Protein backbone atom coordinates (compact mmCIF):
# COMPACT_ATOMS: atom_id res chain seq x y z
CA MET A 1 -10.61 0.96 19.00
CA SER A 2 -7.52 -1.17 17.77
CA ALA A 3 -4.06 -1.51 20.10
CA LEU A 4 -1.39 0.89 18.76
CA VAL A 5 0.99 0.08 16.11
CA GLU A 6 4.05 -0.49 17.53
CA VAL A 7 6.38 1.52 16.07
CA GLY A 8 10.52 1.98 16.16
CA GLN A 9 12.21 5.12 17.80
CA HIS A 10 15.01 6.06 15.10
CA ARG A 11 14.20 8.44 12.28
CA PHE A 12 11.87 8.06 9.38
CA ARG A 13 13.13 9.57 6.29
CA PHE A 14 11.18 9.14 3.06
CA ALA A 15 10.58 10.71 -0.43
CA CYS A 16 9.02 9.03 -2.96
CA GLN A 17 11.15 8.93 -6.06
CA GLN A 18 9.77 10.10 -9.45
CA GLY A 19 9.32 7.83 -11.89
CA CYS A 20 10.01 4.92 -9.69
CA THR A 21 7.38 1.93 -9.31
CA ASN A 22 9.65 -0.64 -7.42
CA CYS A 23 6.64 -0.78 -4.53
CA CYS A 24 4.36 -2.02 -7.26
CA THR A 25 6.32 -4.61 -9.10
CA GLN A 26 7.37 -6.66 -5.45
CA SER A 27 5.50 -10.44 -5.08
CA GLY A 28 2.60 -9.79 -2.89
CA HIS A 29 -1.16 -9.46 -2.95
CA VAL A 30 -3.00 -5.83 -3.03
CA TYR A 31 -6.05 -6.02 -0.68
CA LEU A 32 -8.86 -3.80 -1.40
CA THR A 33 -11.25 -2.04 1.40
CA GLU A 34 -14.90 -1.62 0.22
CA ASP A 35 -14.28 1.77 0.00
CA ASP A 36 -11.45 1.42 -2.41
CA ILE A 37 -13.54 -1.01 -4.65
CA THR A 38 -16.35 2.14 -4.50
CA THR A 39 -13.48 4.77 -5.64
CA ILE A 40 -11.79 3.10 -7.87
CA ALA A 41 -14.69 1.70 -9.44
CA ALA A 42 -16.26 4.99 -10.17
CA HIS A 43 -12.43 6.44 -11.61
CA LEU A 44 -12.46 3.63 -13.97
CA GLU A 45 -16.05 4.50 -15.23
CA LEU A 46 -17.63 1.20 -13.57
CA THR A 47 -20.26 -0.04 -10.99
CA PRO A 48 -18.68 -1.50 -7.94
CA GLU A 49 -20.10 -5.06 -9.15
CA GLN A 50 -18.31 -4.88 -13.01
CA PHE A 51 -15.18 -3.79 -11.14
CA GLU A 52 -15.32 -6.66 -8.56
CA ALA A 53 -15.91 -8.80 -11.59
CA ARG A 54 -12.72 -7.89 -13.69
CA TYR A 55 -10.54 -7.23 -11.20
CA VAL A 56 -11.04 -8.42 -7.32
CA THR A 57 -11.03 -11.64 -5.91
CA ARG A 58 -11.96 -12.56 -2.03
CA ARG A 59 -10.41 -15.06 0.11
CA ASP A 60 -11.86 -15.50 3.04
CA ASP A 61 -13.83 -12.14 2.63
CA HIS A 62 -10.73 -10.01 2.14
CA PRO A 63 -11.28 -8.59 -1.44
CA ARG A 64 -7.67 -8.34 -3.44
CA LEU A 65 -6.87 -7.53 -6.54
CA LYS A 66 -7.41 -10.66 -9.27
CA MET A 67 -3.25 -11.47 -10.03
CA ARG A 68 -0.96 -13.87 -8.74
CA LEU A 69 1.85 -13.15 -6.48
CA ASP A 70 4.10 -13.02 -9.12
CA GLU A 71 2.92 -10.32 -11.51
CA ASN A 72 2.71 -6.73 -11.48
CA CYS A 73 -0.38 -5.03 -10.43
CA PHE A 74 -2.36 -4.98 -13.90
CA PHE A 75 -2.95 -0.71 -13.31
CA LEU A 76 1.17 -0.21 -13.74
CA ALA A 77 1.68 0.99 -16.86
CA GLN A 78 4.52 2.45 -18.33
CA GLY A 79 4.61 6.16 -17.01
CA GLY A 80 3.32 4.69 -13.75
CA CYS A 81 0.30 3.56 -11.83
CA ARG A 82 -3.40 4.41 -14.19
CA ILE A 83 -4.82 4.75 -11.18
CA HIS A 84 -2.94 6.84 -9.20
CA GLU A 85 -5.18 9.46 -7.83
CA VAL A 86 -7.20 6.52 -6.16
CA LYS A 87 -4.96 4.01 -5.35
CA PRO A 88 -5.92 1.02 -2.70
CA LEU A 89 -5.41 2.19 0.91
CA GLN A 90 -2.32 -0.25 0.84
CA CYS A 91 -0.53 1.33 -1.65
CA ARG A 92 -1.11 4.76 -0.31
CA VAL A 93 0.47 4.15 3.07
CA PHE A 94 3.33 2.36 1.71
CA PRO A 95 6.05 2.22 3.09
CA TYR A 96 4.39 2.78 6.48
CA TRP A 97 3.01 -0.83 6.77
CA PRO A 98 3.21 -1.87 10.21
CA GLU A 99 5.61 -4.77 9.48
CA ASN A 100 7.74 -1.95 7.92
CA VAL A 101 8.04 0.49 11.16
CA GLY A 102 8.65 -1.96 13.68
CA THR A 103 12.32 -1.85 14.00
CA ARG A 104 15.01 -0.14 12.34
CA ARG A 105 15.97 -3.51 10.79
CA ALA A 106 12.82 -3.66 8.81
CA TRP A 107 12.42 -0.35 7.83
CA ASP A 108 16.53 -0.58 6.18
CA ARG A 109 15.33 -3.80 4.40
CA LEU A 110 13.29 -1.36 2.21
CA ARG A 111 16.39 0.17 1.06
CA LYS A 112 16.75 -3.21 -1.04
CA TYR A 113 14.29 -2.15 -3.50
CA CYS A 114 12.89 1.13 -2.08
CA PRO A 115 15.44 4.39 -3.62
CA GLY A 116 13.25 7.03 -1.25
CA VAL A 117 13.63 4.94 2.22
CA GLY A 118 16.58 7.13 4.08
CA VAL A 119 16.22 10.20 1.90
CA GLY A 120 14.12 13.50 2.08
CA GLU A 121 12.74 14.61 5.19
CA LEU A 122 12.06 13.74 7.90
CA VAL A 123 8.88 11.96 8.56
CA GLN A 124 7.07 13.11 12.05
CA ILE A 125 6.36 9.83 14.01
CA THR A 126 2.78 10.68 14.40
CA GLU A 127 2.36 10.59 10.66
CA VAL A 128 4.43 7.59 10.49
CA ARG A 129 2.32 5.77 13.27
CA ARG A 130 -1.18 7.29 11.52
CA GLU A 131 -1.06 5.42 8.38
CA ALA A 132 0.27 2.23 9.84
CA GLU A 133 -2.40 2.35 12.17
CA ALA A 134 -4.90 2.95 9.03
CA TYR A 135 -3.56 -0.11 7.30
CA ARG A 136 -3.63 -2.13 10.68
CA GLU A 137 -7.57 -0.60 11.25
CA ALA A 138 -8.28 -2.15 7.42
CA PHE A 139 -6.68 -5.15 7.27
CA PRO A 140 -6.78 -6.41 10.81
CA ASP A 141 -6.10 -10.42 10.30
CA LEU A 142 -3.31 -9.79 7.77
């Protein structure tokens, strides 16, 4: 069992804002779990092998979407995510990535591009920790 993710003692308020896709346009990689590959492939009516050949690259056996750091996700369309119902774990747990929830400063930094941070209902610390730990468990060396 992995160690608990350090979660700050501040209050977490977050509500995803309708129509916002800012998290999808940030520079970085979109890492995938093996379950993500299977689920997204089925959603797109592809075999996992077809999906991987078309959309996935692996570095040090870490599968990720095959796109440059400065590119938007290719599943991002005008109206939002084309695979929203089956989006990767990394996307599902955003903004509760371990590096975002450890300190108040890190959480507040998200406001630069995420209008949902600091608004909405207070999120229970157990939910924040559960999401951050799911991320850490799926991607322990990232």
